[in-house]
Protein backbone atom coordinates (compact mmCIF):
# COMPACT_ATOMS: atom_id res chain seq x y z
CA UNK A 1 11.60 23.53 2.01
CA UNK A 2 14.48 21.05 2.17
CA UNK A 3 14.95 18.62 5.04
CA UNK A 4 17.21 19.89 7.81
CA UNK A 5 19.04 17.93 10.50
CA UNK A 6 16.38 19.19 12.90
CA UNK A 7 13.29 17.97 11.00
CA UNK A 8 14.75 14.98 9.16
CA UNK A 9 13.61 12.57 11.89
CA UNK A 10 9.98 13.16 10.82
CA UNK A 11 10.69 11.50 7.47
CA UNK A 12 13.86 9.50 8.05
CA UNK A 13 14.41 7.71 11.33
CA UNK A 14 17.74 6.83 12.95
CA UNK A 15 20.00 4.06 11.79
CA UNK A 16 19.84 0.75 13.61
CA UNK A 17 22.68 1.85 15.88
CA UNK A 18 20.88 5.10 16.76
CA UNK A 19 23.09 7.38 14.64
CA UNK A 20 21.56 9.96 12.30
CA UNK A 21 21.85 9.55 8.52
CA UNK A 22 23.10 12.45 6.38
CA UNK A 23 20.05 13.04 4.17
CA UNK A 24 20.53 15.30 1.13
CA UNK A 25 18.03 16.79 -1.31
CA UNK A 26 18.31 15.35 -4.82
CA UNK A 27 20.21 12.31 -3.59
CA UNK A 28 17.94 10.78 -0.97
CA UNK A 29 14.67 12.59 -1.68
CA UNK A 30 12.89 15.33 -3.60
CA UNK A 31 9.96 17.40 -2.43
CA UNK A 32 7.66 15.35 -4.67
CA UNK A 33 8.89 11.98 -3.40
CA UNK A 34 8.46 13.13 0.19
CA UNK A 35 4.78 13.53 -0.60
CA UNK A 36 4.56 9.80 -1.38
CA UNK A 37 6.91 8.60 1.34
CA UNK A 38 5.65 7.05 4.56
CA UNK A 39 7.17 9.16 7.37
CA UNK A 40 9.31 7.19 9.82
CA UNK A 41 6.95 7.22 12.82
CA UNK A 42 3.99 6.07 10.69
CA UNK A 43 6.13 3.40 9.03
CA UNK A 44 7.23 2.15 12.44
CA UNK A 45 3.58 2.00 13.50
CA UNK A 46 2.67 -0.01 10.39
CA UNK A 47 5.47 -2.51 11.03
CA UNK A 48 4.40 -2.81 14.69
CA UNK A 49 0.84 -3.53 13.56
CA UNK A 50 2.12 -6.22 11.18
CA UNK A 51 4.23 -7.82 13.92
CA UNK A 52 1.17 -8.12 16.16
CA UNK A 53 -0.47 -10.27 13.48
CA UNK A 54 2.30 -12.77 12.76
CA UNK A 55 4.14 -15.31 14.96
CA UNK A 56 7.45 -13.57 15.68
CA UNK A 57 8.90 -16.38 17.79
CA UNK A 58 9.66 -18.44 14.69
CA UNK A 59 11.99 -17.80 11.74
CA UNK A 60 12.00 -14.29 10.23
CA UNK A 61 9.57 -13.42 7.46
CA UNK A 62 10.28 -12.27 3.92
CA UNK A 63 8.58 -9.07 2.72
CA UNK A 64 7.49 -8.34 -0.83
CA UNK A 65 6.92 -4.62 -1.43
CA UNK A 66 4.90 -3.89 -4.53
CA UNK A 67 5.92 -0.19 -4.60
CA UNK A 68 9.18 0.65 -2.87
CA UNK A 69 9.29 4.37 -3.68
CA UNK A 70 12.33 5.96 -2.01
CA UNK A 71 12.22 3.53 0.89
CA UNK A 72 10.13 4.96 3.72
CA UNK A 73 8.84 1.51 4.64
CA UNK A 74 11.74 -0.46 3.14
CA UNK A 75 14.20 1.04 5.63
CA UNK A 76 11.96 0.18 8.58
CA UNK A 77 11.40 -3.39 7.41
CA UNK A 78 15.12 -3.86 6.76
CA UNK A 79 16.17 -2.63 10.22
CA UNK A 80 13.77 -4.96 12.03
CA UNK A 81 15.19 -8.30 13.24
CA UNK A 82 11.87 -9.98 12.48
CA UNK A 83 12.22 -9.74 8.70
CA UNK A 84 14.71 -11.80 6.78
CA UNK A 85 14.79 -10.35 3.27
CA UNK A 86 12.88 -7.60 1.51
CA UNK A 87 12.10 -7.68 -2.22
CA UNK A 88 11.17 -4.14 -3.26
CA UNK A 89 9.77 -3.30 -6.70
CA UNK A 90 10.07 0.28 -7.99
CA UNK A 91 9.58 0.99 -11.71
CA UNK A 92 10.63 4.66 -11.75
CA UNK A 93 14.37 5.07 -12.23
CA UNK A 94 14.86 8.20 -10.11
CA UNK A 95 12.96 6.73 -7.16
CA UNK A 96 14.78 3.40 -7.42
CA UNK A 97 18.11 5.26 -7.35
CA UNK A 98 17.04 7.26 -4.28
CA UNK A 99 15.93 4.03 -2.62
CA UNK A 100 19.38 2.56 -3.24
CA UNK A 101 21.04 5.75 -1.96
CA UNK A 102 18.94 5.59 1.21
CA UNK A 103 19.77 1.93 1.81
CA UNK A 104 23.45 2.77 1.35
CA UNK A 105 23.19 5.72 3.77
CA UNK A 106 21.56 3.44 6.35
CA UNK A 107 24.32 0.83 5.82
CA UNK A 108 21.82 -1.83 4.77
CA UNK A 109 23.21 -4.49 2.37
CA UNK A 110 21.26 -4.45 -0.89
CA UNK A 111 21.30 -5.66 -4.47
CA UNK A 112 19.99 -3.73 -7.46
CA UNK A 113 18.45 -5.50 -10.42
CA UNK A 114 16.46 -4.69 -13.51
CA UNK A 115 15.00 -7.64 -15.38
CA UNK A 116 14.89 -10.53 -15.17
CA UNK A 117 15.46 -10.54 -11.40
CA UNK A 118 16.95 -13.38 -9.41
CA UNK A 119 16.96 -14.13 -5.71
CA UNK A 120 19.95 -12.70 -3.85
CA UNK A 121 21.41 -13.07 -0.37
CA UNK A 122 21.26 -9.32 0.27
CA UNK A 123 18.98 -7.98 3.01
CA UNK A 124 17.11 -5.91 0.39
CA UNK A 125 16.77 -6.52 -3.32
CA UNK A 126 15.61 -3.49 -5.29
CA UNK A 127 13.98 -4.44 -8.58
CA UNK A 128 13.67 -1.54 -11.01
CA UNK A 129 10.54 -2.65 -12.78
CA UNK A 130 6.78 -2.88 -12.15
CA UNK A 131 5.65 -5.43 -9.61
CA UNK A 132 5.21 -8.98 -10.79
CA UNK A 133 3.89 -12.01 -8.96
CA UNK A 134 6.57 -14.00 -7.17
CA UNK A 135 6.58 -17.34 -5.37
CA UNK A 136 5.09 -16.97 -1.88
CA UNK A 137 4.76 -19.19 1.18
CA UNK A 138 3.64 -19.08 4.80
CA UNK A 139 6.75 -17.01 5.69
CA UNK A 140 5.87 -14.31 3.15
CA UNK A 141 4.28 -10.93 3.79
CA UNK A 142 2.98 -8.89 0.86
CA UNK A 143 2.96 -5.13 1.48
CA UNK A 144 0.90 -3.13 -1.02
CA UNK A 145 1.31 0.67 -0.94
CA UNK A 146 0.13 1.78 -4.39
CA UNK A 147 -0.01 5.33 -5.80
CA UNK A 148 -3.20 6.90 -4.47
CA UNK A 149 -3.87 9.35 -7.29
CA UNK A 150 -5.00 8.53 -10.80
CA UNK A 151 -2.14 8.38 -13.33
CA UNK A 152 -4.21 10.84 -15.38
CA UNK A 153 -4.19 13.45 -12.60
CA UNK A 154 -2.18 16.42 -13.93
CA UNK A 155 -1.05 17.65 -10.51
CA UNK A 156 2.53 17.00 -9.39
CA UNK A 157 2.70 14.79 -6.32
CA UNK A 158 3.65 17.67 -4.04
CA UNK A 159 0.30 19.35 -4.74
CA UNK A 160 -2.04 16.41 -4.25
CA UNK A 161 -4.64 16.53 -1.49
CA UNK A 162 -7.34 14.19 -0.18
CA UNK A 163 -9.81 15.11 -2.94
CA UNK A 164 -7.32 13.78 -5.51
CA UNK A 165 -7.10 10.32 -3.95
CA UNK A 166 -8.87 7.47 -5.72
CA UNK A 167 -11.67 5.70 -3.83
CA UNK A 168 -11.76 2.57 -6.00
CA UNK A 169 -10.10 0.77 -8.93
CA UNK A 170 -6.47 1.52 -8.04
CA UNK A 171 -4.20 -0.56 -10.25
CA UNK A 172 -0.58 -1.60 -10.32
CA UNK A 173 0.08 -2.10 -14.00
CA UNK A 174 -2.87 -4.08 -15.34
CA UNK A 175 -3.70 -5.63 -11.98
CA UNK A 176 -6.35 -4.31 -9.61
CA UNK A 177 -5.73 -4.55 -5.87
CA UNK A 178 -8.22 -7.40 -5.81
CA UNK A 179 -6.14 -9.21 -8.46
CA UNK A 180 -3.04 -8.77 -6.30
CA UNK A 181 -4.87 -10.18 -3.29
CA UNK A 182 -5.98 -13.20 -5.31
CA UNK A 183 -2.41 -13.84 -6.51
CA UNK A 184 -1.05 -13.55 -2.94
CA UNK A 185 -3.14 -16.32 -1.37
CA UNK A 186 -0.08 -18.31 -0.34
CA UNK A 187 1.30 -15.46 1.82
CA UNK A 188 0.90 -15.40 5.60
CA UNK A 189 -0.40 -11.83 5.56
CA UNK A 190 -1.26 -9.10 3.05
CA UNK A 191 -1.15 -5.48 4.20
CA UNK A 192 -2.50 -2.60 2.12
CA UNK A 193 -1.89 1.09 2.85
CA UNK A 194 -4.79 3.00 1.29
CA UNK A 195 -6.66 6.32 1.36
CA UNK A 196 -9.21 6.51 4.13
CA UNK A 197 -12.20 6.57 1.75
CA UNK A 198 -11.00 3.71 -0.45
CA UNK A 199 -13.51 0.89 -1.00
CA UNK A 200 -11.95 -2.49 -1.60
CA UNK A 201 -13.95 -5.44 -2.88
CA UNK A 202 -13.64 -8.28 -0.41
CA UNK A 203 -12.70 -11.73 -1.63
CA UNK A 204 -14.12 -14.92 -0.13
CA UNK A 205 -11.79 -16.99 2.03
CA UNK A 206 -9.95 -14.07 3.64
CA UNK A 207 -10.35 -12.21 6.91
CA UNK A 208 -10.21 -8.42 6.51
CA UNK A 209 -9.23 -6.05 9.30
CA UNK A 210 -9.14 -2.27 8.95
CA UNK A 211 -6.96 -0.01 11.11
CA UNK A 212 -7.13 3.78 10.90
CA UNK A 213 -3.63 5.19 11.01
CA UNK A 214 -4.26 8.91 10.53
CA UNK A 215 -6.97 11.19 9.18
CA UNK A 216 -6.30 10.27 5.54
CA UNK A 217 -4.79 6.79 5.76
CA UNK A 218 -5.90 3.29 6.66
CA UNK A 219 -4.21 -0.08 6.72
CA UNK A 220 -6.17 -3.15 5.65
CA UNK A 221 -4.79 -6.45 6.91
CA UNK A 222 -5.84 -9.58 5.05
CA UNK A 223 -5.24 -12.90 6.73
CA UNK A 224 -6.32 -16.34 5.62
């Protein structure tokens, strides 16, 4: 079933000015990518939870997204006044193109790059390649929303269910989630969106906080 004007707000929220975007199948989403996308209300909840854990009375933060997808969370980050720039990695060409189409539909300034990537002045920089470690500081937030199913799972994304979700050893490229946490020590906060049953190996020197978001999803906040 394609998105209609009536149900589009479940997946895609309003623009910053309150107007509704014109979302079209094949341009802004597919049924498979909707399965991976964070719906608007859940994305807004995640961003609200992040804002409660950082000092928002200072300069805006930069966000590094390890898996941008078609932009469910990217759009929410980009429309918040508390975030300065968003660097969003997405290795799959079709999803990166839909992410760019969605940013354009939401009137969010963006830059599109392949490799090597360079810093830009755009609100969002979409990097069409797998995530790689970037320079971080105390004004950086790392947002990790990896694929939940094994790459060897033969099911299309639209047919995945909770029994298909991995409970350990999720990787982005060659890096485990624990590797990504270790390489993000300089960031102010690391947020991971994971299946409810996922077991992450805690690293010394970090404070871990788990928040249940829905019956199959949890957010783990890691703060130094």
